[in-house]
C-alpha atoms as a PDB file:
ATOM      1  CA  MET A   1      15.034 127.821 -61.632  1.00  0.00           C
ATOM      2  CA  ALA A   2      12.881 128.699 -58.906  1.00  0.00           C
ATOM      3  CA  TYR A   3       9.179 128.452 -60.313  1.00  0.00           C
ATOM      4  CA  PRO A   4       6.121 130.236 -58.318  1.00  0.00           C
ATOM      5  CA  ILE A   5       3.324 127.786 -57.349  1.00  0.00           C
ATOM      6  CA  GLY A   6       1.261 128.459 -60.594  1.00  0.00           C
ATOM      7  CA  LYS A   7       4.204 127.114 -62.372  1.00  0.00           C
ATOM      8  CA  PHE A   8       5.496 124.561 -60.037  1.00  0.00           C
ATOM      9  CA  SER A   9       2.203 122.836 -59.965  1.00  0.00           C
ATOM     10  CA  LYS A  10       2.053 122.878 -63.885  1.00  0.00           C
ATOM     11  CA  LEU A  11       5.453 121.207 -64.505  1.00  0.00           C
ATOM     12  CA  THR A  12       4.310 118.228 -61.413  1.00  0.00           C
ATOM     13  CA  GLY A  13       1.377 118.076 -62.857  1.00  0.00           C
ATOM     14  CA  CYS A  14       0.175 118.308 -58.865  1.00  0.00           C
ATOM     15  CA  ASN A  15      -2.616 120.858 -57.635  1.00  0.00           C
ATOM     16  CA  ILE A  16      -1.709 123.441 -55.388  1.00  0.00           C
ATOM     17  CA  GLU A  17      -3.450 122.456 -52.713  1.00  0.00           C
ATOM     18  CA  THR A  18      -2.015 119.210 -52.781  1.00  0.00           C
ATOM     19  CA  LEU A  19       1.412 120.634 -52.429  1.00  0.00           C
ATOM     20  CA  ARG A  20       0.486 122.296 -49.993  1.00  0.00           C
ATOM     21  CA  PHE A  21      -0.956 119.380 -47.553  1.00  0.00           C
ATOM     22  CA  TYR A  22       2.257 118.190 -48.837  1.00  0.00           C
ATOM     23  CA  GLU A  23       4.602 120.963 -47.136  1.00  0.00           C
ATOM     24  CA  ARG A  24       2.461 120.210 -44.138  1.00  0.00           C
ATOM     25  CA  GLU A  25       3.022 116.929 -43.589  1.00  0.00           C
ATOM     26  CA  GLY A  26       6.883 117.547 -43.981  1.00  0.00           C
ATOM     27  CA  LEU A  27       6.812 115.265 -47.139  1.00  0.00           C
ATOM     28  CA  LEU A  28       8.015 118.468 -49.182  1.00  0.00           C
ATOM     29  CA  PRO A  29      10.321 121.023 -47.547  1.00  0.00           C
ATOM     30  CA  PRO A  30       9.187 124.308 -47.303  1.00  0.00           C
ATOM     31  CA  PRO A  31      10.423 126.394 -49.782  1.00  0.00           C
ATOM     32  CA  PRO A  32      11.812 129.854 -49.774  1.00  0.00           C
ATOM     33  CA  ARG A  33       9.644 132.991 -50.359  1.00  0.00           C
ATOM     34  CA  GLY A  34       9.891 136.227 -52.368  1.00  0.00           C
ATOM     35  CA  ASP A  35      10.348 139.216 -51.022  1.00  0.00           C
ATOM     36  CA  ASN A  36       6.990 138.980 -52.489  1.00  0.00           C
ATOM     37  CA  GLY A  37       5.763 136.536 -49.807  1.00  0.00           C
ATOM     38  CA  TYR A  38       5.108 134.031 -52.704  1.00  0.00           C
ATOM     39  CA  ARG A  39       6.869 130.168 -52.514  1.00  0.00           C
ATOM     40  CA  TYR A  40       9.782 129.621 -55.034  1.00  0.00           C
ATOM     41  CA  TYR A  41      10.349 126.401 -55.963  1.00  0.00           C
ATOM     42  CA  ASN A  42      13.449 124.894 -57.081  1.00  0.00           C
ATOM     43  CA  ASP A  43      14.198 121.709 -59.948  1.00  0.00           C
ATOM     44  CA  GLU A  44      14.914 119.037 -56.353  1.00  0.00           C
ATOM     45  CA  ALA A  45      11.140 120.327 -55.246  1.00  0.00           C
ATOM     46  CA  VAL A  46       9.953 119.145 -59.275  1.00  0.00           C
ATOM     47  CA  SER A  47      11.807 116.093 -58.622  1.00  0.00           C
ATOM     48  CA  ARG A  48      10.633 115.241 -55.121  1.00  0.00           C
ATOM     49  CA  VAL A  49       7.101 115.833 -55.965  1.00  0.00           C
ATOM     50  CA  LYS A  50       7.044 113.584 -59.219  1.00  0.00           C
ATOM     51  CA  PHE A  51       8.485 111.398 -57.097  1.00  0.00           C
ATOM     52  CA  ILE A  52       5.867 111.538 -54.495  1.00  0.00           C
ATOM     53  CA  LEU A  53       3.450 111.036 -57.601  1.00  0.00           C
ATOM     54  CA  HIS A  54       5.027 107.678 -58.659  1.00  0.00           C
ATOM     55  CA  ALA A  55       5.103 106.331 -55.123  1.00  0.00           C
ATOM     56  CA  LYS A  56       1.459 107.145 -54.901  1.00  0.00           C
ATOM     57  CA  GLN A  57       0.712 105.395 -58.815  1.00  0.00           C
ATOM     58  CA  LEU A  58       2.211 102.128 -57.093  1.00  0.00           C
ATOM     59  CA  GLY A  59       0.011 102.423 -53.687  1.00  0.00           C
ATOM     60  CA  PHE A  60       2.081 104.018 -51.093  1.00  0.00           C
ATOM     61  CA  SER A  61       1.058 105.279 -48.115  1.00  0.00           C
ATOM     62  CA  LEU A  62       1.726 109.028 -47.196  1.00  0.00           C
ATOM     63  CA  LYS A  63       3.856 107.407 -44.151  1.00  0.00           C
ATOM     64  CA  ASP A  64       5.644 105.313 -46.782  1.00  0.00           C
ATOM     65  CA  ILE A  65       6.413 107.713 -48.539  1.00  0.00           C
ATOM     66  CA  SER A  66       8.272 109.784 -46.517  1.00  0.00           C
ATOM     67  CA  GLU A  67      10.187 107.058 -45.294  1.00  0.00           C
ATOM     68  CA  LEU A  68      11.447 106.222 -48.947  1.00  0.00           C
ATOM     69  CA  LEU A  69      12.068 110.172 -49.160  1.00  0.00           C
ATOM     70  CA  SER A  70      14.175 110.039 -46.071  1.00  0.00           C
ATOM     71  CA  ILE A  71      16.245 107.056 -47.505  1.00  0.00           C
ATOM     72  CA  ARG A  72      16.146 108.966 -51.151  1.00  0.00           C
ATOM     73  CA  VAL A  73      18.073 112.168 -49.581  1.00  0.00           C
ATOM     74  CA  ASP A  74      20.112 110.033 -47.189  1.00  0.00           C
ATOM     75  CA  LYS A  75      21.147 106.766 -49.335  1.00  0.00           C
ATOM     76  CA  ASN A  76      24.011 105.628 -47.217  1.00  0.00           C
ATOM     77  CA  ALA A  77      22.016 105.584 -43.924  1.00  0.00           C
ATOM     78  CA  ARG A  78      19.945 102.023 -45.332  1.00  0.00           C
ATOM     79  CA  THR A  79      20.391  99.515 -48.049  1.00  0.00           C
ATOM     80  CA  CYS A  80      18.496  98.802 -50.940  1.00  0.00           C
ATOM     81  CA  ALA A  81      17.083  95.340 -48.759  1.00  0.00           C
ATOM     82  CA  ASP A  82      15.314  98.224 -46.584  1.00  0.00           C
ATOM     83  CA  VAL A  83      13.740  99.782 -49.826  1.00  0.00           C
ATOM     84  CA  LYS A  84      13.168  96.348 -51.152  1.00  0.00           C
ATOM     85  CA  GLN A  85      11.423  95.214 -47.788  1.00  0.00           C
ATOM     86  CA  ILE A  86       8.799  98.591 -48.092  1.00  0.00           C
ATOM     87  CA  ALA A  87       8.357  97.164 -51.602  1.00  0.00           C
ATOM     88  CA  VAL A  88       7.591  93.931 -50.563  1.00  0.00           C
ATOM     89  CA  ASP A  89       5.169  94.888 -47.530  1.00  0.00           C
ATOM     90  CA  LYS A  90       3.160  97.010 -50.049  1.00  0.00           C
ATOM     91  CA  LEU A  91       2.750  94.316 -52.738  1.00  0.00           C
ATOM     92  CA  THR A  92       1.193  91.852 -49.254  1.00  0.00           C
ATOM     93  CA  ILE A  93      -1.337  94.353 -48.540  1.00  0.00           C
ATOM     94  CA  ILE A  94      -2.262  94.942 -51.941  1.00  0.00           C
ATOM     95  CA  ARG A  95      -2.769  91.671 -52.597  1.00  0.00           C
ATOM     96  CA  GLN A  96      -4.929  90.838 -49.851  1.00  0.00           C
ATOM     97  CA  ARG A  97      -6.801  94.290 -51.086  1.00  0.00           C
ATOM     98  CA  ILE A  98      -7.353  92.075 -54.730  1.00  0.00           C
ATOM     99  CA  ASP A  99      -8.383  89.235 -52.786  1.00  0.00           C
ATOM    100  CA  GLU A 100     -10.970  90.855 -50.657  1.00  0.00           C
ATOM    101  CA  LEU A 101     -11.961  92.676 -53.883  1.00  0.00           C
ATOM    102  CA  GLU A 102     -12.296  89.669 -55.611  1.00  0.00           C
ATOM    103  CA  ALA A 103     -14.668  88.055 -52.645  1.00  0.00           C
ATOM    104  CA  MET A 104     -16.673  90.900 -52.946  1.00  0.00           C
ATOM    105  CA  HIS A 105     -17.244  90.853 -56.704  1.00  0.00           C
ATOM    106  CA  GLN A 106     -17.979  87.012 -56.366  1.00  0.00           C
ATOM    107  CA  ALA A 107     -20.503  87.836 -53.803  1.00  0.00           C
ATOM    108  CA  LEU A 108     -22.197  90.588 -55.727  1.00  0.00           C
ATOM    109  CA  SER A 109     -21.976  88.093 -59.073  1.00  0.00           C
ATOM    110  CA  ARG A 110     -24.267  85.669 -56.981  1.00  0.00           C
ATOM    111  CA  VAL A 111     -26.499  88.040 -55.513  1.00  0.00           C
ATOM    112  CA  ALA A 112     -26.930  89.932 -59.513  1.00  0.00           C
ATOM    113  CA  ASP A 113     -27.190  86.602 -61.112  1.00  0.00           C
ATOM    114  CA  ALA A 114     -29.606  85.204 -58.668  1.00  0.00           C
ATOM    115  CA  CYS A 115     -32.436  88.372 -59.427  1.00  0.00           C
ATOM    116  CA  ASP A 116     -34.556  88.573 -62.568  1.00  0.00           C
ATOM    117  CA  GLY A 117     -34.753  91.783 -62.654  1.00  0.00           C
ATOM    118  CA  ALA A 118     -38.181  91.456 -63.890  1.00  0.00           C
ATOM    119  CA  GLU A 119     -40.542  94.565 -63.652  1.00  0.00           C
ATOM    120  CA  HIS A 120     -42.397  93.281 -60.642  1.00  0.00           C
ATOM    121  CA  SER A 121     -42.397  95.636 -57.728  1.00  0.00           C
ATOM    122  CA  ALA A 122     -39.150  95.835 -56.119  1.00  0.00           C
ATOM    123  CA  HIS A 123     -40.816  93.838 -53.140  1.00  0.00           C
ATOM    124  CA  TYR A 124     -39.808  90.798 -54.266  1.00  0.00           C
ATOM    125  CA  CYS A 125     -36.221  92.011 -55.533  1.00  0.00           C
ATOM    126  CA  THR A 126     -34.100  89.309 -54.088  1.00  0.00           C
ATOM    127  CA  ILE A 127     -30.870  91.427 -54.157  1.00  0.00           C
ATOM    128  CA  LEU A 128     -32.590  93.522 -51.577  1.00  0.00           C
ATOM    129  CA  GLN A 129     -34.068  91.158 -49.529  1.00  0.00           C
ATOM    130  CA  SER A 130     -30.153  89.039 -49.759  1.00  0.00           C
ATOM    131  CA  LEU A 131     -28.328  92.511 -48.228  1.00  0.00           C
ATOM    132  CA  GLU A 132     -31.110  92.094 -45.254  1.00  0.00           C
ATOM    133  CA  ALA A 133     -30.536  88.205 -44.798  1.00  0.00           C
ATOM    134  CA  ASP A 134     -28.496  87.122 -41.555  1.00  0.00           C
ATOM    135  CA  GLY A 135     -25.646  85.784 -42.498  1.00  0.00           C
ATOM    136  CA  PHE A 136     -24.891  87.878 -45.867  1.00  0.00           C
ATOM    137  CA  GLY A 137     -21.651  87.105 -47.330  1.00  0.00           C
ATOM    138  CA  LYS A 138     -20.349  84.349 -45.062  1.00  0.00           C
ATOM    139  CA  ASP A 139     -19.639  81.502 -46.534  1.00  0.00           C
END
């Protein structure tokens, strides 16, 4: 089946500008064009975009997705262990980010808890004072 870009966008749930971006980045091969100059995508392109979107939901970068797509196209060139390593590497990055966010949460909670939230002038606001303090956030 051949889909013009508007229909393709609806089928994949991906907006047209993002589809064009994926083409420019090489994640989506340029589709053939009709006599009218319009792009026409096939079912494989639909599957490919859904793959990209699923990978993005899991936090994979465009570089990771490009690598995963190349493996998807030529499954005999790499092993399942290669794919798993990409996933494990992403898990490590996600864990580091979670740790950073937890530290930010704790620091902000301490600052917010120290503030009495009174209606007095912000001149006396402990949150502003904390943000201006030397060594803020260092434990």
